[in-house]
Amino acid sequence: MLFEPPIDLLVEKVGCRYAVAVIVGARAKDLENKIPTLLNGSANLAIDYAANEVAQGEVIGVQSK
């Protein structure tokens, strides 16, 4: 379960809970594919990395028009 960063902070950065789930999930999958040695096969660690990147503004979701 994700405790840090708080979900409210992620929603504030992204806009809605659904978008947070999609963006963090996509980034975690990207991390698993591109940097598997960093994660050592742990899916939870990938989600933690991705959530922290979103909270820090390093990953920005694409908004539809």
N, C-alpha and C. Protein backbone atom coordinates (compact mmCIF):
# COMPACT_ATOMS: atom_id res chain seq x y z
N MET A 1 0.85 -1.17 0.00
CA MET A 1 0.00 0.00 0.00
C MET A 1 0.90 1.24 0.00
N LEU A 2 0.47 2.22 -0.71
CA LEU A 2 1.24 3.46 -0.86
C LEU A 2 0.90 4.44 0.26
N PHE A 3 1.89 4.79 1.07
CA PHE A 3 1.69 5.75 2.14
C PHE A 3 2.45 7.05 1.91
N GLU A 4 3.55 6.95 1.22
CA GLU A 4 4.40 8.11 1.01
C GLU A 4 4.78 8.17 -0.45
N PRO A 5 4.51 9.14 -1.20
CA PRO A 5 3.83 10.38 -0.85
C PRO A 5 2.33 10.16 -0.69
N PRO A 6 1.67 11.02 0.06
CA PRO A 6 0.23 10.88 0.28
C PRO A 6 -0.56 11.00 -1.02
N ILE A 7 -1.61 10.24 -1.12
CA ILE A 7 -2.44 10.24 -2.33
C ILE A 7 -3.01 11.63 -2.60
N ASP A 8 -3.31 12.38 -1.55
CA ASP A 8 -3.86 13.72 -1.74
C ASP A 8 -2.87 14.64 -2.47
N LEU A 9 -1.59 14.49 -2.17
CA LEU A 9 -0.56 15.28 -2.86
C LEU A 9 -0.50 14.90 -4.34
N LEU A 10 -0.59 13.59 -4.62
CA LEU A 10 -0.55 13.14 -6.01
C LEU A 10 -1.77 13.63 -6.78
N VAL A 11 -2.93 13.58 -6.15
CA VAL A 11 -4.17 14.05 -6.80
C VAL A 11 -4.06 15.55 -7.07
N GLU A 12 -3.48 16.29 -6.14
CA GLU A 12 -3.29 17.73 -6.32
C GLU A 12 -2.39 18.01 -7.53
N LYS A 13 -1.34 17.19 -7.70
CA LYS A 13 -0.41 17.38 -8.81
C LYS A 13 -1.02 16.99 -10.15
N VAL A 14 -1.81 15.91 -10.15
CA VAL A 14 -2.29 15.32 -11.40
C VAL A 14 -3.71 15.75 -11.75
N GLY A 15 -4.60 15.80 -10.78
CA GLY A 15 -5.96 16.25 -11.08
C GLY A 15 -7.06 15.34 -10.59
N CYS A 16 -6.87 14.03 -10.68
CA CYS A 16 -7.89 13.10 -10.19
C CYS A 16 -7.24 11.75 -9.86
N ARG A 17 -7.92 10.97 -9.03
CA ARG A 17 -7.37 9.68 -8.59
C ARG A 17 -7.17 8.72 -9.75
N TYR A 18 -8.08 8.73 -10.69
CA TYR A 18 -7.94 7.84 -11.84
C TYR A 18 -6.67 8.16 -12.62
N ALA A 19 -6.42 9.43 -12.86
CA ALA A 19 -5.21 9.83 -13.58
C ALA A 19 -3.96 9.46 -12.80
N VAL A 20 -3.99 9.59 -11.48
CA VAL A 20 -2.84 9.18 -10.66
C VAL A 20 -2.57 7.70 -10.87
N ALA A 21 -3.61 6.88 -10.82
CA ALA A 21 -3.43 5.44 -10.98
C ALA A 21 -2.86 5.10 -12.36
N VAL A 22 -3.36 5.74 -13.38
CA VAL A 22 -2.89 5.47 -14.75
C VAL A 22 -1.44 5.92 -14.92
N ILE A 23 -1.12 7.12 -14.49
CA ILE A 23 0.22 7.67 -14.68
C ILE A 23 1.25 6.91 -13.85
N VAL A 24 0.95 6.67 -12.59
CA VAL A 24 1.89 5.95 -11.73
C VAL A 24 2.06 4.51 -12.23
N GLY A 25 0.98 3.88 -12.63
CA GLY A 25 1.07 2.51 -13.15
C GLY A 25 1.89 2.43 -14.42
N ALA A 26 1.66 3.36 -15.33
CA ALA A 26 2.42 3.36 -16.59
C ALA A 26 3.90 3.63 -16.35
N ARG A 27 4.20 4.56 -15.45
CA ARG A 27 5.60 4.87 -15.15
C ARG A 27 6.28 3.70 -14.44
N ALA A 28 5.57 3.03 -13.55
CA ALA A 28 6.14 1.87 -12.86
C ALA A 28 6.45 0.75 -13.85
N LYS A 29 5.56 0.53 -14.80
CA LYS A 29 5.81 -0.49 -15.82
C LYS A 29 7.01 -0.10 -16.68
N ASP A 30 7.12 1.18 -17.01
CA ASP A 30 8.25 1.67 -17.77
C ASP A 30 9.56 1.45 -17.01
N LEU A 31 9.56 1.73 -15.71
CA LEU A 31 10.74 1.51 -14.89
C LEU A 31 11.12 0.03 -14.84
N GLU A 32 10.12 -0.84 -14.71
CA GLU A 32 10.39 -2.28 -14.67
C GLU A 32 11.02 -2.76 -15.97
N ASN A 33 10.60 -2.18 -17.08
CA ASN A 33 11.13 -2.61 -18.38
C ASN A 33 12.51 -2.02 -18.67
N LYS A 34 12.76 -0.79 -18.25
CA LYS A 34 14.00 -0.10 -18.61
C LYS A 34 15.11 -0.25 -17.59
N ILE A 35 14.76 -0.38 -16.31
CA ILE A 35 15.79 -0.42 -15.27
C ILE A 35 15.52 -1.58 -14.30
N PRO A 36 15.51 -2.81 -14.79
CA PRO A 36 15.18 -3.93 -13.90
C PRO A 36 16.22 -4.17 -12.80
N THR A 37 17.49 -3.83 -13.04
CA THR A 37 18.51 -4.05 -12.02
C THR A 37 18.31 -3.12 -10.83
N LEU A 38 17.79 -1.93 -11.07
CA LEU A 38 17.52 -0.99 -9.98
C LEU A 38 16.44 -1.52 -9.06
N LEU A 39 15.45 -2.17 -9.63
CA LEU A 39 14.29 -2.61 -8.86
C LEU A 39 14.43 -4.01 -8.28
N ASN A 40 15.33 -4.81 -8.82
CA ASN A 40 15.55 -6.18 -8.35
C ASN A 40 14.27 -7.01 -8.31
N GLY A 41 13.40 -6.83 -9.29
CA GLY A 41 12.19 -7.64 -9.42
C GLY A 41 11.06 -7.29 -8.47
N SER A 42 11.12 -6.19 -7.77
CA SER A 42 10.07 -5.81 -6.82
C SER A 42 9.09 -4.83 -7.46
N ALA A 43 7.86 -5.26 -7.68
CA ALA A 43 6.84 -4.40 -8.29
C ALA A 43 6.48 -3.25 -7.36
N ASN A 44 6.44 -3.48 -6.05
CA ASN A 44 6.09 -2.41 -5.11
C ASN A 44 7.12 -1.29 -5.15
N LEU A 45 8.37 -1.63 -5.30
CA LEU A 45 9.41 -0.62 -5.37
C LEU A 45 9.24 0.25 -6.61
N ALA A 46 8.84 -0.35 -7.72
CA ALA A 46 8.60 0.40 -8.95
C ALA A 46 7.48 1.41 -8.75
N ILE A 47 6.43 1.01 -8.05
CA ILE A 47 5.31 1.92 -7.78
C ILE A 47 5.76 3.05 -6.87
N ASP A 48 6.58 2.73 -5.87
CA ASP A 48 7.10 3.77 -4.98
C ASP A 48 7.94 4.78 -5.75
N TYR A 49 8.84 4.30 -6.61
CA TYR A 49 9.66 5.20 -7.43
C TYR A 49 8.77 6.09 -8.30
N ALA A 50 7.80 5.47 -8.96
CA ALA A 50 6.92 6.21 -9.87
C ALA A 50 6.11 7.26 -9.12
N ALA A 51 5.56 6.90 -7.96
CA ALA A 51 4.77 7.85 -7.17
C ALA A 51 5.62 9.03 -6.71
N ASN A 52 6.85 8.75 -6.30
CA ASN A 52 7.74 9.83 -5.88
C ASN A 52 8.09 10.74 -7.05
N GLU A 53 8.27 10.18 -8.22
CA GLU A 53 8.56 11.00 -9.40
C GLU A 53 7.38 11.93 -9.72
N VAL A 54 6.17 11.41 -9.62
CA VAL A 54 4.98 12.24 -9.87
C VAL A 54 4.88 13.34 -8.82
N ALA A 55 5.12 13.00 -7.56
CA ALA A 55 5.03 13.99 -6.48
C ALA A 55 6.07 15.10 -6.65
N GLN A 56 7.24 14.76 -7.19
CA GLN A 56 8.29 15.74 -7.38
C GLN A 56 8.15 16.51 -8.68
N GLY A 57 7.16 16.15 -9.49
CA GLY A 57 6.92 16.84 -10.75
C GLY A 57 7.81 16.37 -11.88
N GLU A 58 8.51 15.24 -11.71
CA GLU A 58 9.39 14.71 -12.75
C GLU A 58 8.60 14.00 -13.85
N VAL A 59 7.43 13.49 -13.50
CA VAL A 59 6.56 12.81 -14.47
C VAL A 59 5.26 13.58 -14.52
N ILE A 60 4.87 13.98 -15.72
CA ILE A 60 3.66 14.77 -15.89
C ILE A 60 2.73 14.03 -16.84
N GLY A 61 1.48 13.91 -16.47
CA GLY A 61 0.51 13.23 -17.32
C GLY A 61 0.08 14.10 -18.48
N VAL A 62 -0.43 13.45 -19.50
CA VAL A 62 -0.91 14.16 -20.69
C VAL A 62 -2.39 14.40 -20.51
N GLN A 63 -2.82 15.63 -20.67
CA GLN A 63 -4.22 15.96 -20.55
C GLN A 63 -4.87 15.93 -21.92
N SER A 64 -6.08 15.38 -21.97
CA SER A 64 -6.80 15.34 -23.24
C SER A 64 -7.46 16.68 -23.50
N LYS A 65 -7.73 16.96 -24.77
CA LYS A 65 -8.35 18.24 -25.16
C LYS A 65 -9.85 18.10 -25.24
